[in-house]
Amino acid sequence: MKNVLVLCTGNSCRSQMAHGYLKHFAKERAKIYSAGIETHGLNKKAVAIMKDDGLDISYHTSNNVDEYKDVEFDFIITVCDHANENCPFIPSKNAVRLHHNFKDPSKIEGSEEEIQEAFKTTRNDIKAWCEKFVNDNL
């Protein structure tokens, strides 16, 4: 079984969505972890938009990357530029490191409909990327 870490700034939104989809698509082929270089708690809008697609991430926790320093990862995936640029050293010697910056829907200002659409767009982008990652790598 592979160990996969998804890393973002606050482990509240994009990394949580990726965690949910990677777990969904990988099933028993991988253990999925998500963390942030900080912890901001779960974003309620991210939880809701995932539930709209049939995945419950409400039980996830917002974790700091330092909590996983003893885990040997096979893949480390950063999902935002800030985490990619500021990621602390993670001592997984053989980890394949991948980066894909997904737009942060929590930064969108506008009507509720515009914000909802931003979360849906980011969710769908993350879902497609995660499905391809699992098919190509696991």
C-alpha atoms as a PDB file:
ATOM      1  CA  MET A   1       0.000   0.000   0.000  1.00  0.00           C
ATOM      2  CA  LYS A   2       1.285   3.452  -0.953  1.00  0.00           C
ATOM      3  CA  ASN A   3       1.364   6.446   1.411  1.00  0.00           C
ATOM      4  CA  VAL A   4       0.195   9.692  -0.196  1.00  0.00           C
ATOM      5  CA  LEU A   5       0.422  13.116   1.437  1.00  0.00           C
ATOM      6  CA  VAL A   6      -1.622  16.052   0.129  1.00  0.00           C
ATOM      7  CA  LEU A   7      -0.240  19.357   1.330  1.00  0.00           C
ATOM      8  CA  CYS A   8      -1.717  22.855   1.301  1.00  0.00           C
ATOM      9  CA  THR A   9      -1.302  26.001   3.360  1.00  0.00           C
ATOM     10  CA  GLY A  10      -4.006  25.533   6.000  1.00  0.00           C
ATOM     11  CA  ASN A  11      -5.347  22.011   5.352  1.00  0.00           C
ATOM     12  CA  SER A  12      -8.876  23.395   5.283  1.00  0.00           C
ATOM     13  CA  CYS A  13     -10.162  23.327   1.710  1.00  0.00           C
ATOM     14  CA  ARG A  14      -8.237  22.157  -1.382  1.00  0.00           C
ATOM     15  CA  SER A  15      -6.115  19.540   0.378  1.00  0.00           C
ATOM     16  CA  GLN A  16      -9.215  18.236   2.147  1.00  0.00           C
ATOM     17  CA  MET A  17     -11.094  17.877  -1.137  1.00  0.00           C
ATOM     18  CA  ALA A  18      -8.097  16.131  -2.711  1.00  0.00           C
ATOM     19  CA  HIS A  19      -7.835  13.844   0.326  1.00  0.00           C
ATOM     20  CA  GLY A  20     -11.475  12.859  -0.114  1.00  0.00           C
ATOM     21  CA  TYR A  21     -11.183  12.132  -3.828  1.00  0.00           C
ATOM     22  CA  LEU A  22      -7.850  10.319  -3.568  1.00  0.00           C
ATOM     23  CA  LYS A  23      -9.265   8.085  -0.856  1.00  0.00           C
ATOM     24  CA  HIS A  24     -12.388   7.491  -2.953  1.00  0.00           C
ATOM     25  CA  PHE A  25     -10.521   6.599  -6.151  1.00  0.00           C
ATOM     26  CA  ALA A  26      -7.572   4.739  -4.575  1.00  0.00           C
ATOM     27  CA  LYS A  27      -9.699   2.592  -2.255  1.00  0.00           C
ATOM     28  CA  GLU A  28      -7.329   0.025  -0.687  1.00  0.00           C
ATOM     29  CA  ARG A  29      -4.347   0.858  -2.911  1.00  0.00           C
ATOM     30  CA  ALA A  30      -3.157   3.789  -0.794  1.00  0.00           C
ATOM     31  CA  LYS A  31      -3.362   5.420   2.597  1.00  0.00           C
ATOM     32  CA  ILE A  32      -4.130   9.093   2.134  1.00  0.00           C
ATOM     33  CA  TYR A  33      -2.964  11.820   4.482  1.00  0.00           C
ATOM     34  CA  SER A  34      -3.543  15.544   4.222  1.00  0.00           C
ATOM     35  CA  ALA A  35      -1.822  18.335   6.081  1.00  0.00           C
ATOM     36  CA  GLY A  36      -0.972  21.988   6.009  1.00  0.00           C
ATOM     37  CA  ILE A  37       2.063  24.035   6.811  1.00  0.00           C
ATOM     38  CA  GLU A  38      -0.469  25.665   9.170  1.00  0.00           C
ATOM     39  CA  THR A  39      -3.863  24.418  10.405  1.00  0.00           C
ATOM     40  CA  HIS A  40      -7.038  26.403   9.787  1.00  0.00           C
ATOM     41  CA  GLY A  41      -9.776  23.849  10.521  1.00  0.00           C
ATOM     42  CA  LEU A  42     -12.186  22.442   7.945  1.00  0.00           C
ATOM     43  CA  ASN A  43     -13.818  24.884   5.543  1.00  0.00           C
ATOM     44  CA  LYS A  44     -17.587  24.390   5.822  1.00  0.00           C
ATOM     45  CA  LYS A  45     -18.158  25.279   2.172  1.00  0.00           C
ATOM     46  CA  ALA A  46     -15.620  22.632   1.106  1.00  0.00           C
ATOM     47  CA  VAL A  47     -17.416  20.050   3.250  1.00  0.00           C
ATOM     48  CA  ALA A  48     -20.766  21.050   1.706  1.00  0.00           C
ATOM     49  CA  ILE A  49     -19.571  21.006  -1.926  1.00  0.00           C
ATOM     50  CA  MET A  50     -18.044  17.552  -1.425  1.00  0.00           C
ATOM     51  CA  LYS A  51     -21.286  16.307   0.099  1.00  0.00           C
ATOM     52  CA  ASP A  52     -23.073  17.566  -3.052  1.00  0.00           C
ATOM     53  CA  ASP A  53     -20.895  15.077  -4.958  1.00  0.00           C
ATOM     54  CA  GLY A  54     -21.615  12.225  -2.542  1.00  0.00           C
ATOM     55  CA  LEU A  55     -18.423  12.334  -0.438  1.00  0.00           C
ATOM     56  CA  ASP A  56     -18.456  13.060   3.285  1.00  0.00           C
ATOM     57  CA  ILE A  57     -15.279  14.751   4.506  1.00  0.00           C
ATOM     58  CA  SER A  58     -16.878  16.218   7.634  1.00  0.00           C
ATOM     59  CA  TYR A  59     -14.928  13.775   9.825  1.00  0.00           C
ATOM     60  CA  HIS A  60     -11.544  14.936   8.450  1.00  0.00           C
ATOM     61  CA  THR A  61      -9.250  16.897  10.732  1.00  0.00           C
ATOM     62  CA  SER A  62      -6.953  19.791   9.911  1.00  0.00           C
ATOM     63  CA  ASN A  63      -3.438  18.521  10.544  1.00  0.00           C
ATOM     64  CA  ASN A  64       0.013  20.088  10.565  1.00  0.00           C
ATOM     65  CA  VAL A  65       2.607  18.446   8.325  1.00  0.00           C
ATOM     66  CA  ASP A  66       4.918  17.992  11.322  1.00  0.00           C
ATOM     67  CA  GLU A  67       2.505  15.350  12.666  1.00  0.00           C
ATOM     68  CA  TYR A  68       3.614  13.037   9.854  1.00  0.00           C
ATOM     69  CA  LYS A  69       7.391  13.433  10.063  1.00  0.00           C
ATOM     70  CA  ASP A  70       7.817   9.710  10.796  1.00  0.00           C
ATOM     71  CA  VAL A  71       5.708   8.503   7.845  1.00  0.00           C
ATOM     72  CA  GLU A  72       7.592   7.373   4.747  1.00  0.00           C
ATOM     73  CA  PHE A  73       5.581   8.795   1.849  1.00  0.00           C
ATOM     74  CA  ASP A  74       5.566   7.466  -1.693  1.00  0.00           C
ATOM     75  CA  PHE A  75       3.962  10.647  -3.060  1.00  0.00           C
ATOM     76  CA  ILE A  76       3.858  14.200  -1.724  1.00  0.00           C
ATOM     77  CA  ILE A  77       1.387  16.381  -3.596  1.00  0.00           C
ATOM     78  CA  THR A  78       1.195  20.132  -3.037  1.00  0.00           C
ATOM     79  CA  VAL A  79      -2.089  21.665  -4.178  1.00  0.00           C
ATOM     80  CA  CYS A  80      -1.267  25.356  -3.778  1.00  0.00           C
ATOM     81  CA  ASP A  81       1.714  27.481  -4.757  1.00  0.00           C
ATOM     82  CA  HIS A  82       2.199  28.824  -1.221  1.00  0.00           C
ATOM     83  CA  ALA A  83       2.640  25.329   0.246  1.00  0.00           C
ATOM     84  CA  ASN A  84       4.903  24.338  -2.638  1.00  0.00           C
ATOM     85  CA  GLU A  85       7.141  27.362  -2.060  1.00  0.00           C
ATOM     86  CA  ASN A  86       7.111  27.181   1.753  1.00  0.00           C
ATOM     87  CA  CYS A  87       6.934  23.458   2.407  1.00  0.00           C
ATOM     88  CA  PRO A  88       9.229  22.334   5.200  1.00  0.00           C
ATOM     89  CA  PHE A  89      11.603  19.480   4.558  1.00  0.00           C
ATOM     90  CA  ILE A  90       9.755  16.166   4.595  1.00  0.00           C
ATOM     91  CA  PRO A  91      12.255  13.328   5.050  1.00  0.00           C
ATOM     92  CA  SER A  92      10.696  10.778   2.696  1.00  0.00           C
ATOM     93  CA  LYS A  93      13.751   9.797   0.656  1.00  0.00           C
ATOM     94  CA  ASN A  94      11.935   8.063  -2.173  1.00  0.00           C
ATOM     95  CA  ALA A  95       8.833  10.233  -2.397  1.00  0.00           C
ATOM     96  CA  VAL A  96       7.743  11.452  -5.787  1.00  0.00           C
ATOM     97  CA  ARG A  97       6.885  15.112  -5.349  1.00  0.00           C
ATOM     98  CA  LEU A  98       4.121  16.551  -7.497  1.00  0.00           C
ATOM     99  CA  HIS A  99       2.601  20.022  -7.622  1.00  0.00           C
ATOM    100  CA  HIS A 100      -0.648  21.334  -9.046  1.00  0.00           C
ATOM    101  CA  ASN A 101      -1.953  24.739  -8.004  1.00  0.00           C
ATOM    102  CA  PHE A 102      -5.730  24.710  -7.707  1.00  0.00           C
ATOM    103  CA  LYS A 103      -7.552  28.028  -7.462  1.00  0.00           C
ATOM    104  CA  ASP A 104      -8.539  28.825  -3.864  1.00  0.00           C
ATOM    105  CA  PRO A 105     -12.332  29.179  -3.783  1.00  0.00           C
ATOM    106  CA  SER A 106     -12.249  30.505  -0.217  1.00  0.00           C
ATOM    107  CA  LYS A 107     -10.628  33.702  -1.533  1.00  0.00           C
ATOM    108  CA  ILE A 108     -13.487  34.473  -3.942  1.00  0.00           C
ATOM    109  CA  GLU A 109     -15.639  37.473  -3.150  1.00  0.00           C
ATOM    110  CA  GLY A 110     -19.097  37.887  -4.601  1.00  0.00           C
ATOM    111  CA  SER A 111     -22.612  36.616  -4.256  1.00  0.00           C
ATOM    112  CA  GLU A 112     -23.353  33.274  -2.612  1.00  0.00           C
ATOM    113  CA  GLU A 113     -24.010  31.856  -6.089  1.00  0.00           C
ATOM    114  CA  GLU A 114     -20.598  33.061  -7.343  1.00  0.00           C
ATOM    115  CA  ILE A 115     -18.841  31.632  -4.297  1.00  0.00           C
ATOM    116  CA  GLN A 116     -20.728  28.333  -4.654  1.00  0.00           C
ATOM    117  CA  GLU A 117     -19.739  28.165  -8.326  1.00  0.00           C
ATOM    118  CA  ALA A 118     -16.071  28.798  -7.432  1.00  0.00           C
ATOM    119  CA  PHE A 119     -16.128  25.925  -4.929  1.00  0.00           C
ATOM    120  CA  LYS A 120     -17.804  23.668  -7.491  1.00  0.00           C
ATOM    121  CA  THR A 121     -15.249  24.536 -10.187  1.00  0.00           C
ATOM    122  CA  THR A 122     -12.304  23.888  -7.866  1.00  0.00           C
ATOM    123  CA  ARG A 123     -13.905  20.665  -6.619  1.00  0.00           C
ATOM    124  CA  ASN A 124     -14.383  19.410 -10.178  1.00  0.00           C
ATOM    125  CA  ASP A 125     -10.798  20.324 -11.132  1.00  0.00           C
ATOM    126  CA  ILE A 126      -9.474  18.485  -8.071  1.00  0.00           C
ATOM    127  CA  LYS A 127     -11.692  15.478  -8.759  1.00  0.00           C
ATOM    128  CA  ALA A 128     -10.449  15.138 -12.354  1.00  0.00           C
ATOM    129  CA  TRP A 129      -6.805  15.545 -11.293  1.00  0.00           C
ATOM    130  CA  CYS A 130      -7.133  13.003  -8.475  1.00  0.00           C
ATOM    131  CA  GLU A 131      -8.807  10.410 -10.694  1.00  0.00           C
ATOM    132  CA  LYS A 132      -6.015  10.766 -13.271  1.00  0.00           C
ATOM    133  CA  PHE A 133      -3.336  10.601 -10.548  1.00  0.00           C
ATOM    134  CA  VAL A 134      -4.768   7.362  -9.149  1.00  0.00           C
ATOM    135  CA  ASN A 135      -5.142   5.795 -12.608  1.00  0.00           C
ATOM    136  CA  ASP A 136      -1.591   6.778 -13.603  1.00  0.00           C
ATOM    137  CA  ASN A 137       0.253   6.075 -10.327  1.00  0.00           C
ATOM    138  CA  LEU A 138      -1.558   3.571  -8.156  1.00  0.00           C
END
